[in-house]
Each structure stands twice: as structure tokens, then as C-alpha cells.
Amino acid sequence: RRERELMTKDATIREIHHRVKNNLQTVAALLRLQARRIDSESGRAALEEAVRRVGSIAIVHETLSQNLDEKVEFDEIADRVLTMVAEISPGKVAGR
């Protein structure tokens, strides 16, 4: 019985992480769509910045939800965030 409860708990946690990931992707997609439709350059830049922030949150969430040993390598997260930002904004990011 206890083992079944643990399996159910693990499945529920995985499902919650999956939903959070999907929701963050949806938010980023809506922001990108809005950025493509806006005429204002400053408005577009603000929306693109919001996409980068949501992407950063998604990367941190994914990394934290995958690390079961309670240790997180900061360099791994920083590298992934820099890569994501560089893909979204080519020429605007200088890594190490």
C-alpha cells in the first residue's frame, strides 16, 4: 500500500511539472505571437524580453525538477539560459 502511494505521488508530481512546462511554453508562444503583430519597436522589444524571461523560468524549472539529488549546477543553468537567449536574440549575447 505504501509503495503504491509513493508511485501515485511521483506520478502526480511528474504531471504537475509537465503542466507547468506546457503552461510556460504557452505563455512564451502567446508573447511571441503578440510581438510579431505589434507595430511599436519598443513594444516588440519588451515582449521579446518577456519571452526571454519566461524561457529562463522554464529552464530553471526543468533543471530543478529533474535533479533529484538536491544539487544543481549553476553553470549548467547559466549555459542553458545563455544559449536560449542567444538563439532568440542573435548578436546580443556574449558568453564566457
PDB file of N, CA and C in Angstrom:
ATOM      1  N   ARG A   1       0.838  -1.198   0.000  1.00  0.00           N
ATOM      2  CA  ARG A   1       0.000   0.000   0.000  1.00  0.00           C
ATOM      3  C   ARG A   1       0.880   1.259   0.000  1.00  0.00           C
ATOM      4  N   ARG A   2       1.882   1.291   0.842  1.00  0.00           N
ATOM      5  CA  ARG A   2       2.775   2.459   0.928  1.00  0.00           C
ATOM      6  C   ARG A   2       3.502   2.676  -0.397  1.00  0.00           C
ATOM      7  N   GLU A   3       3.942   1.576  -1.007  1.00  0.00           N
ATOM      8  CA  GLU A   3       4.645   1.681  -2.286  1.00  0.00           C
ATOM      9  C   GLU A   3       3.718   2.240  -3.372  1.00  0.00           C
ATOM     10  N   ARG A   4       2.481   1.829  -3.369  1.00  0.00           N
ATOM     11  CA  ARG A   4       1.509   2.332  -4.343  1.00  0.00           C
ATOM     12  C   ARG A   4       1.264   3.826  -4.138  1.00  0.00           C
ATOM     13  N   GLU A   5       1.194   4.256  -2.888  1.00  0.00           N
ATOM     14  CA  GLU A   5       1.011   5.675  -2.591  1.00  0.00           C
ATOM     15  C   GLU A   5       2.194   6.500  -3.093  1.00  0.00           C
ATOM     16  N   LEU A   6       3.411   5.973  -2.911  1.00  0.00           N
ATOM     17  CA  LEU A   6       4.601   6.673  -3.398  1.00  0.00           C
ATOM     18  C   LEU A   6       4.602   6.765  -4.921  1.00  0.00           C
ATOM     19  N   MET A   7       4.193   5.694  -5.584  1.00  0.00           N
ATOM     20  CA  MET A   7       4.127   5.710  -7.047  1.00  0.00           C
ATOM     21  C   MET A   7       3.103   6.733  -7.531  1.00  0.00           C
ATOM     22  N   THR A   8       1.966   6.792  -6.863  1.00  0.00           N
ATOM     23  CA  THR A   8       0.932   7.762  -7.221  1.00  0.00           C
ATOM     24  C   THR A   8       1.428   9.181  -6.986  1.00  0.00           C
ATOM     25  N   LYS A   9       2.108   9.390  -5.877  1.00  0.00           N
ATOM     26  CA  LYS A   9       2.660  10.714  -5.569  1.00  0.00           C
ATOM     27  C   LYS A   9       3.678  11.122  -6.622  1.00  0.00           C
ATOM     28  N   ASP A  10       4.581  10.214  -6.989  1.00  0.00           N
ATOM     29  CA  ASP A  10       5.581  10.515  -8.019  1.00  0.00           C
ATOM     30  C   ASP A  10       4.923  10.849  -9.353  1.00  0.00           C
ATOM     31  N   ALA A  11       3.909  10.078  -9.723  1.00  0.00           N
ATOM     32  CA  ALA A  11       3.205  10.334 -10.986  1.00  0.00           C
ATOM     33  C   ALA A  11       2.520  11.693 -10.952  1.00  0.00           C
ATOM     34  N   THR A  12       1.945  12.045  -9.824  1.00  0.00           N
ATOM     35  CA  THR A  12       1.284  13.343  -9.683  1.00  0.00           C
ATOM     36  C   THR A  12       2.295  14.480  -9.796  1.00  0.00           C
ATOM     37  N   ILE A  13       3.431  14.326  -9.159  1.00  0.00           N
ATOM     38  CA  ILE A  13       4.472  15.363  -9.227  1.00  0.00           C
ATOM     39  C   ILE A  13       4.973  15.519 -10.655  1.00  0.00           C
ATOM     40  N   ARG A  14       5.214  14.397 -11.345  1.00  0.00           N
ATOM     41  CA  ARG A  14       5.655  14.471 -12.746  1.00  0.00           C
ATOM     42  C   ARG A  14       4.615  15.173 -13.611  1.00  0.00           C
ATOM     43  N   GLU A  15       3.347  14.869 -13.380  1.00  0.00           N
ATOM     44  CA  GLU A  15       2.275  15.503 -14.148  1.00  0.00           C
ATOM     45  C   GLU A  15       2.228  17.008 -13.880  1.00  0.00           C
ATOM     46  N   ILE A  16       2.403  17.409 -12.647  1.00  0.00           N
ATOM     47  CA  ILE A  16       2.418  18.838 -12.314  1.00  0.00           C
ATOM     48  C   ILE A  16       3.583  19.532 -13.012  1.00  0.00           C
ATOM     49  N   HIS A  17       4.769  18.928 -12.971  1.00  0.00           N
ATOM     50  CA  HIS A  17       5.927  19.516 -13.655  1.00  0.00           C
ATOM     51  C   HIS A  17       5.664  19.636 -15.154  1.00  0.00           C
ATOM     52  N   HIS A  18       5.046  18.602 -15.723  1.00  0.00           N
ATOM     53  CA  HIS A  18       4.736  18.626 -17.154  1.00  0.00           C
ATOM     54  C   HIS A  18       3.756  19.760 -17.480  1.00  0.00           C
ATOM     55  N   ARG A  19       2.756  19.934 -16.647  1.00  0.00           N
ATOM     56  CA  ARG A  19       1.774  21.010 -16.874  1.00  0.00           C
ATOM     57  C   ARG A  19       2.406  22.389 -16.739  1.00  0.00           C
ATOM     58  N   VAL A  20       3.281  22.546 -15.759  1.00  0.00           N
ATOM     59  CA  VAL A  20       3.979  23.830 -15.604  1.00  0.00           C
ATOM     60  C   VAL A  20       4.793  24.123 -16.856  1.00  0.00           C
ATOM     61  N   LYS A  21       5.528  23.122 -17.333  1.00  0.00           N
ATOM     62  CA  LYS A  21       6.334  23.284 -18.546  1.00  0.00           C
ATOM     63  C   LYS A  21       5.449  23.683 -19.730  1.00  0.00           C
ATOM     64  N   ASN A  22       4.334  22.983 -19.910  1.00  0.00           N
ATOM     65  CA  ASN A  22       3.417  23.310 -21.008  1.00  0.00           C
ATOM     66  C   ASN A  22       2.846  24.719 -20.869  1.00  0.00           C
ATOM     67  N   ASN A  23       2.490  25.102 -19.665  1.00  0.00           N
ATOM     68  CA  ASN A  23       1.938  26.440 -19.451  1.00  0.00           C
ATOM     69  C   ASN A  23       2.964  27.524 -19.754  1.00  0.00           C
ATOM     70  N   LEU A  24       4.207  27.308 -19.356  1.00  0.00           N
ATOM     71  CA  LEU A  24       5.260  28.286 -19.657  1.00  0.00           C
ATOM     72  C   LEU A  24       5.496  28.378 -21.165  1.00  0.00           C
ATOM     73  N   GLN A  25       5.460  27.247 -21.862  1.00  0.00           N
ATOM     74  CA  GLN A  25       5.607  27.262 -23.318  1.00  0.00           C
ATOM     75  C   GLN A  25       4.450  28.013 -23.974  1.00  0.00           C
ATOM     76  N   THR A  26       3.253  27.836 -23.455  1.00  0.00           N
ATOM     77  CA  THR A  26       2.086  28.535 -23.997  1.00  0.00           C
ATOM     78  C   THR A  26       2.214  30.039 -23.795  1.00  0.00           C
ATOM     79  N   VAL A  27       2.634  30.447 -22.614  1.00  0.00           N
ATOM     80  CA  VAL A  27       2.825  31.879 -22.342  1.00  0.00           C
ATOM     81  C   VAL A  27       3.862  32.460 -23.294  1.00  0.00           C
ATOM     82  N   ALA A  28       4.989  31.770 -23.469  1.00  0.00           N
ATOM     83  CA  ALA A  28       6.041  32.251 -24.372  1.00  0.00           C
ATOM     84  C   ALA A  28       5.522  32.340 -25.806  1.00  0.00           C
ATOM     85  N   ALA A  29       4.757  31.351 -26.239  1.00  0.00           N
ATOM     86  CA  ALA A  29       4.214  31.360 -27.599  1.00  0.00           C
ATOM     87  C   ALA A  29       3.250  32.527 -27.803  1.00  0.00           C
ATOM     88  N   LEU A  30       2.416  32.798 -26.821  1.00  0.00           N
ATOM     89  CA  LEU A  30       1.485  33.928 -26.924  1.00  0.00           C
ATOM     90  C   LEU A  30       2.233  35.258 -26.971  1.00  0.00           C
ATOM     91  N   LEU A  31       3.282  35.374 -26.180  1.00  0.00           N
ATOM     92  CA  LEU A  31       4.089  36.602 -26.202  1.00  0.00           C
ATOM     93  C   LEU A  31       4.785  36.779 -27.550  1.00  0.00           C
ATOM     94  N   ARG A  32       5.319  35.675 -28.117  1.00  0.00           N
ATOM     95  CA  ARG A  32       5.962  35.758 -29.441  1.00  0.00           C
ATOM     96  C   ARG A  32       4.952  36.163 -30.508  1.00  0.00           C
ATOM     97  N   LEU A  33       3.757  35.595 -30.446  1.00  0.00           N
ATOM     98  CA  LEU A  33       2.700  35.940 -31.397  1.00  0.00           C
ATOM     99  C   LEU A  33       2.353  37.420 -31.295  1.00  0.00           C
ATOM    100  N   GLN A  34       2.210  37.900 -30.093  1.00  0.00           N
ATOM    101  CA  GLN A  34       1.896  39.309 -29.882  1.00  0.00           C
ATOM    102  C   GLN A  34       3.038  40.199 -30.370  1.00  0.00           C
ATOM    103  N   ALA A  35       4.273  39.772 -30.148  1.00  0.00           N
ATOM    104  CA  ALA A  35       5.432  40.565 -30.590  1.00  0.00           C
ATOM    105  C   ALA A  35       5.470  40.689 -32.108  1.00  0.00           C
ATOM    106  N   ARG A  36       5.076  39.628 -32.806  1.00  0.00           N
ATOM    107  CA  ARG A  36       5.071  39.685 -34.278  1.00  0.00           C
ATOM    108  C   ARG A  36       4.001  40.631 -34.807  1.00  0.00           C
ATOM    109  N   ARG A  37       2.941  40.816 -34.057  1.00  0.00           N
ATOM    110  CA  ARG A  37       1.809  41.622 -34.531  1.00  0.00           C
ATOM    111  C   ARG A  37       1.871  43.088 -34.119  1.00  0.00           C
ATOM    112  N   ILE A  38       2.773  43.427 -33.236  1.00  0.00           N
ATOM    113  CA  ILE A  38       2.807  44.797 -32.716  1.00  0.00           C
ATOM    114  C   ILE A  38       3.651  45.685 -33.637  1.00  0.00           C
ATOM    115  N   ASP A  39       3.217  46.912 -33.810  1.00  0.00           N
ATOM    116  CA  ASP A  39       3.926  47.844 -34.685  1.00  0.00           C
ATOM    117  C   ASP A  39       5.053  48.579 -33.960  1.00  0.00           C
ATOM    118  N   SER A  40       4.880  48.812 -32.698  1.00  0.00           N
ATOM    119  CA  SER A  40       5.852  49.577 -31.916  1.00  0.00           C
ATOM    120  C   SER A  40       7.133  48.772 -31.694  1.00  0.00           C
ATOM    121  N   GLU A  41       8.258  49.381 -32.041  1.00  0.00           N
ATOM    122  CA  GLU A  41       9.549  48.707 -31.839  1.00  0.00           C
ATOM    123  C   GLU A  41       9.836  48.508 -30.351  1.00  0.00           C
ATOM    124  N   SER A  42       9.510  49.515 -29.540  1.00  0.00           N
ATOM    125  CA  SER A  42       9.750  49.376 -28.099  1.00  0.00           C
ATOM    126  C   SER A  42       8.814  48.325 -27.497  1.00  0.00           C
ATOM    127  N   GLY A  43       7.590  48.262 -27.999  1.00  0.00           N
ATOM    128  CA  GLY A  43       6.651  47.236 -27.541  1.00  0.00           C
ATOM    129  C   GLY A  43       7.132  45.844 -27.906  1.00  0.00           C
ATOM    130  N   ARG A  44       7.644  45.704 -29.124  1.00  0.00           N
ATOM    131  CA  ARG A  44       8.175  44.420 -29.583  1.00  0.00           C
ATOM    132  C   ARG A  44       9.371  44.004 -28.717  1.00  0.00           C
ATOM    133  N   ALA A  45      10.245  44.957 -28.436  1.00  0.00           N
ATOM    134  CA  ALA A  45      11.418  44.657 -27.607  1.00  0.00           C
ATOM    135  C   ALA A  45      10.995  44.212 -26.201  1.00  0.00           C
ATOM    136  N   ALA A  46       9.989  44.863 -25.657  1.00  0.00           N
ATOM    137  CA  ALA A  46       9.507  44.496 -24.322  1.00  0.00           C
ATOM    138  C   ALA A  46       8.916  43.088 -24.324  1.00  0.00           C
ATOM    139  N   LEU A  47       8.170  42.754 -25.366  1.00  0.00           N
ATOM    140  CA  LEU A  47       7.591  41.416 -25.455  1.00  0.00           C
ATOM    141  C   LEU A  47       8.673  40.355 -25.655  1.00  0.00           C
ATOM    142  N   GLU A  48       9.682  40.671 -26.449  1.00  0.00           N
ATOM    143  CA  GLU A  48      10.786  39.728 -26.639  1.00  0.00           C
ATOM    144  C   GLU A  48      11.548  39.510 -25.335  1.00  0.00           C
ATOM    145  N   GLU A  49      11.701  40.565 -24.562  1.00  0.00           N
ATOM    146  CA  GLU A  49      12.332  40.435 -23.244  1.00  0.00           C
ATOM    147  C   GLU A  49      11.481  39.545 -22.342  1.00  0.00           C
ATOM    148  N   ALA A  50      10.175  39.696 -22.408  1.00  0.00           N
ATOM    149  CA  ALA A  50       9.283  38.849 -21.612  1.00  0.00           C
ATOM    150  C   ALA A  50       9.412  37.385 -22.033  1.00  0.00           C
ATOM    151  N   VAL A  51       9.557  37.135 -23.334  1.00  0.00           N
ATOM    152  CA  VAL A  51       9.758  35.763 -23.824  1.00  0.00           C
ATOM    153  C   VAL A  51      11.045  35.185 -23.235  1.00  0.00           C
ATOM    154  N   ARG A  52      12.101  35.971 -23.219  1.00  0.00           N
ATOM    155  CA  ARG A  52      13.371  35.504 -22.643  1.00  0.00           C
ATOM    156  C   ARG A  52      13.216  35.196 -21.153  1.00  0.00           C
ATOM    157  N   ARG A  53      12.486  36.019 -20.459  1.00  0.00           N
ATOM    158  CA  ARG A  53      12.293  35.790 -19.021  1.00  0.00           C
ATOM    159  C   ARG A  53      11.499  34.515 -18.767  1.00  0.00           C
ATOM    160  N   VAL A  54      10.433  34.328 -19.530  1.00  0.00           N
ATOM    161  CA  VAL A  54       9.636  33.106 -19.377  1.00  0.00           C
ATOM    162  C   VAL A  54      10.486  31.885 -19.735  1.00  0.00           C
ATOM    163  N   GLY A  55      11.291  32.010 -20.784  1.00  0.00           N
ATOM    164  CA  GLY A  55      12.184  30.916 -21.159  1.00  0.00           C
ATOM    165  C   GLY A  55      13.183  30.596 -20.065  1.00  0.00           C
ATOM    166  N   SER A  56      13.702  31.622 -19.422  1.00  0.00           N
ATOM    167  CA  SER A  56      14.640  31.417 -18.314  1.00  0.00           C
ATOM    168  C   SER A  56      13.961  30.699 -17.154  1.00  0.00           C
ATOM    169  N   ILE A  57      12.750  31.105 -16.854  1.00  0.00           N
ATOM    170  CA  ILE A  57      11.987  30.441 -15.791  1.00  0.00           C
ATOM    171  C   ILE A  57      11.771  28.974 -16.150  1.00  0.00           C
ATOM    172  N   ALA A  58      11.439  28.706 -17.414  1.00  0.00           N
ATOM    173  CA  ALA A  58      11.209  27.327 -17.854  1.00  0.00           C
ATOM    174  C   ALA A  58      12.472  26.482 -17.720  1.00  0.00           C
ATOM    175  N   ILE A  59      13.608  27.049 -18.080  1.00  0.00           N
ATOM    176  CA  ILE A  59      14.872  26.311 -17.970  1.00  0.00           C
ATOM    177  C   ILE A  59      15.189  25.997 -16.513  1.00  0.00           C
ATOM    178  N   VAL A  60      15.037  26.972 -15.648  1.00  0.00           N
ATOM    179  CA  VAL A  60      15.313  26.744 -14.227  1.00  0.00           C
ATOM    180  C   VAL A  60      14.344  25.703 -13.667  1.00  0.00           C
ATOM    181  N   HIS A  61      13.069  25.817 -14.005  1.00  0.00           N
ATOM    182  CA  HIS A  61      12.079  24.851 -13.526  1.00  0.00           C
ATOM    183  C   HIS A  61      12.426  23.442 -13.995  1.00  0.00           C
ATOM    184  N   GLU A  62      12.751  23.306 -15.269  1.00  0.00           N
ATOM    185  CA  GLU A  62      13.084  21.987 -15.811  1.00  0.00           C
ATOM    186  C   GLU A  62      14.313  21.402 -15.111  1.00  0.00           C
ATOM    187  N   THR A  63      15.320  22.222 -14.921  1.00  0.00           N
ATOM    188  CA  THR A  63      16.543  21.753 -14.271  1.00  0.00           C
ATOM    189  C   THR A  63      16.271  21.339 -12.828  1.00  0.00           C
ATOM    190  N   LEU A  64      15.528  22.147 -12.113  1.00  0.00           N
ATOM    191  CA  LEU A  64      15.236  21.827 -10.716  1.00  0.00           C
ATOM    192  C   LEU A  64      14.342  20.599 -10.591  1.00  0.00           C
ATOM    193  N   SER A  65      13.416  20.424 -11.515  1.00  0.00           N
ATOM    194  CA  SER A  65      12.504  19.285 -11.423  1.00  0.00           C
ATOM    195  C   SER A  65      13.172  17.980 -11.842  1.00  0.00           C
ATOM    196  N   GLN A  66      14.286  18.051 -12.559  1.00  0.00           N
ATOM    197  CA  GLN A  66      14.984  16.837 -12.986  1.00  0.00           C
ATOM    198  C   GLN A  66      16.046  16.397 -11.993  1.00  0.00           C
ATOM    199  N   ASN A  67      16.549  17.305 -11.184  1.00  0.00           N
ATOM    200  CA  ASN A  67      17.630  16.969 -10.254  1.00  0.00           C
ATOM    201  C   ASN A  67      17.057  16.446  -8.947  1.00  0.00           C
ATOM    202  N   LEU A  68      17.131  15.146  -8.794  1.00  0.00           N
ATOM    203  CA  LEU A  68      16.576  14.526  -7.597  1.00  0.00           C
ATOM    204  C   LEU A  68      17.575  14.467  -6.446  1.00  0.00           C
ATOM    205  N   ASP A  69      18.849  14.724  -6.730  1.00  0.00           N
ATOM    206  CA  ASP A  69      19.862  14.645  -5.681  1.00  0.00           C
ATOM    207  C   ASP A  69      20.017  15.953  -4.911  1.00  0.00           C
ATOM    208  N   GLU A  70      19.143  16.906  -5.168  1.00  0.00           N
ATOM    209  CA  GLU A  70      19.098  18.189  -4.465  1.00  0.00           C
ATOM    210  C   GLU A  70      20.308  19.067  -4.722  1.00  0.00           C
ATOM    211  N   LYS A  71      21.088  18.743  -5.744  1.00  0.00           N
ATOM    212  CA  LYS A  71      22.210  19.587  -6.139  1.00  0.00           C
ATOM    213  C   LYS A  71      21.947  20.100  -7.541  1.00  0.00           C
ATOM    214  N   VAL A  72      22.226  21.373  -7.723  1.00  0.00           N
ATOM    215  CA  VAL A  72      22.029  21.992  -9.030  1.00  0.00           C
ATOM    216  C   VAL A  72      23.308  22.711  -9.402  1.00  0.00           C
ATOM    217  N   GLU A  73      23.786  22.447 -10.596  1.00  0.00           N
ATOM    218  CA  GLU A  73      24.980  23.117 -11.095  1.00  0.00           C
ATOM    219  C   GLU A  73      24.573  24.453 -11.710  1.00  0.00           C
ATOM    220  N   PHE A  74      25.015  25.537 -11.093  1.00  0.00           N
ATOM    221  CA  PHE A  74      24.661  26.862 -11.588  1.00  0.00           C
ATOM    222  C   PHE A  74      25.145  27.062 -13.016  1.00  0.00           C
ATOM    223  N   ASP A  75      26.356  26.583 -13.315  1.00  0.00           N
ATOM    224  CA  ASP A  75      26.907  26.753 -14.666  1.00  0.00           C
ATOM    225  C   ASP A  75      26.018  26.108 -15.721  1.00  0.00           C
ATOM    226  N   GLU A  76      25.426  24.962 -15.383  1.00  0.00           N
ATOM    227  CA  GLU A  76      24.535  24.285 -16.325  1.00  0.00           C
ATOM    228  C   GLU A  76      23.325  25.166 -16.647  1.00  0.00           C
ATOM    229  N   ILE A  77      22.729  25.736 -15.610  1.00  0.00           N
ATOM    230  CA  ILE A  77      21.570  26.604 -15.822  1.00  0.00           C
ATOM    231  C   ILE A  77      21.982  27.847 -16.597  1.00  0.00           C
ATOM    232  N   ALA A  78      23.081  28.467 -16.206  1.00  0.00           N
ATOM    233  CA  ALA A  78      23.539  29.685 -16.882  1.00  0.00           C
ATOM    234  C   ALA A  78      23.835  29.414 -18.351  1.00  0.00           C
ATOM    235  N   ASP A  79      24.493  28.295 -18.647  1.00  0.00           N
ATOM    236  CA  ASP A  79      24.791  27.958 -20.042  1.00  0.00           C
ATOM    237  C   ASP A  79      23.515  27.767 -20.854  1.00  0.00           C
ATOM    238  N   ARG A  80      22.543  27.085 -20.272  1.00  0.00           N
ATOM    239  CA  ARG A  80      21.283  26.855 -20.994  1.00  0.00           C
ATOM    240  C   ARG A  80      20.530  28.161 -21.224  1.00  0.00           C
ATOM    241  N   VAL A  81      20.513  29.032 -20.216  1.00  0.00           N
ATOM    242  CA  VAL A  81      19.831  30.322 -20.376  1.00  0.00           C
ATOM    243  C   VAL A  81      20.535  31.164 -21.433  1.00  0.00           C
ATOM    244  N   LEU A  82      21.868  31.222 -21.391  1.00  0.00           N
ATOM    245  CA  LEU A  82      22.611  31.992 -22.392  1.00  0.00           C
ATOM    246  C   LEU A  82      22.384  31.449 -23.798  1.00  0.00           C
ATOM    247  N   THR A  83      22.354  30.135 -23.936  1.00  0.00           N
ATOM    248  CA  THR A  83      22.100  29.524 -25.244  1.00  0.00           C
ATOM    249  C   THR A  83      20.717  29.907 -25.750  1.00  0.00           C
ATOM    250  N   MET A  84      19.723  29.831 -24.871  1.00  0.00           N
ATOM    251  CA  MET A  84      18.357  30.174 -25.250  1.00  0.00           C
ATOM    252  C   MET A  84      18.263  31.638 -25.662  1.00  0.00           C
ATOM    253  N   VAL A  85      18.871  32.523 -24.904  1.00  0.00           N
ATOM    254  CA  VAL A  85      18.824  33.954 -25.218  1.00  0.00           C
ATOM    255  C   VAL A  85      19.557  34.232 -26.523  1.00  0.00           C
ATOM    256  N   ALA A  86      20.683  33.571 -26.736  1.00  0.00           N
ATOM    257  CA  ALA A  86      21.442  33.766 -27.978  1.00  0.00           C
ATOM    258  C   ALA A  86      20.643  33.313 -29.191  1.00  0.00           C
ATOM    259  N   GLU A  87      19.856  32.252 -29.042  1.00  0.00           N
ATOM    260  CA  GLU A  87      19.022  31.781 -30.146  1.00  0.00           C
ATOM    261  C   GLU A  87      17.901  32.770 -30.448  1.00  0.00           C
ATOM    262  N   ILE A  88      17.345  33.364 -29.405  1.00  0.00           N
ATOM    263  CA  ILE A  88      16.242  34.312 -29.585  1.00  0.00           C
ATOM    264  C   ILE A  88      16.758  35.657 -30.077  1.00  0.00           C
ATOM    265  N   SER A  89      17.903  36.078 -29.581  1.00  0.00           N
ATOM    266  CA  SER A  89      18.455  37.398 -29.897  1.00  0.00           C
ATOM    267  C   SER A  89      19.884  37.266 -30.411  1.00  0.00           C
ATOM    268  N   PRO A  90      20.059  36.796 -31.644  1.00  0.00           N
ATOM    269  CA  PRO A  90      21.421  36.619 -32.155  1.00  0.00           C
ATOM    270  C   PRO A  90      22.200  37.933 -32.155  1.00  0.00           C
ATOM    271  N   GLY A  91      23.462  37.858 -31.768  1.00  0.00           N
ATOM    272  CA  GLY A  91      24.327  39.029 -31.770  1.00  0.00           C
ATOM    273  C   GLY A  91      24.216  39.908 -30.547  1.00  0.00           C
ATOM    274  N   LYS A  92      23.318  39.570 -29.624  1.00  0.00           N
ATOM    275  CA  LYS A  92      23.120  40.417 -28.446  1.00  0.00           C
ATOM    276  C   LYS A  92      23.669  39.795 -27.168  1.00  0.00           C
ATOM    277  N   VAL A  93      24.220  38.575 -27.258  1.00  0.00           N
ATOM    278  CA  VAL A  93      24.682  37.885 -26.058  1.00  0.00           C
ATOM    279  C   VAL A  93      26.126  37.463 -26.249  1.00  0.00           C
ATOM    280  N   ALA A  94      26.940  37.767 -25.240  1.00  0.00           N
ATOM    281  CA  ALA A  94      28.331  37.316 -25.243  1.00  0.00           C
ATOM    282  C   ALA A  94      28.516  36.392 -24.055  1.00  0.00           C
ATOM    283  N   GLY A  95      28.821  35.129 -24.309  1.00  0.00           N
ATOM    284  CA  GLY A  95      29.022  34.151 -23.234  1.00  0.00           C
ATOM    285  C   GLY A  95      30.455  34.146 -22.782  1.00  0.00           C
ATOM    286  N   ARG A  96      30.755  33.169 -21.964  1.00  0.00           N
ATOM    287  CA  ARG A  96      32.121  33.095 -21.451  1.00  0.00           C
ATOM    288  C   ARG A  96      33.052  32.424 -22.397  1.00  0.00           C
TER     289      ARG A  96
END
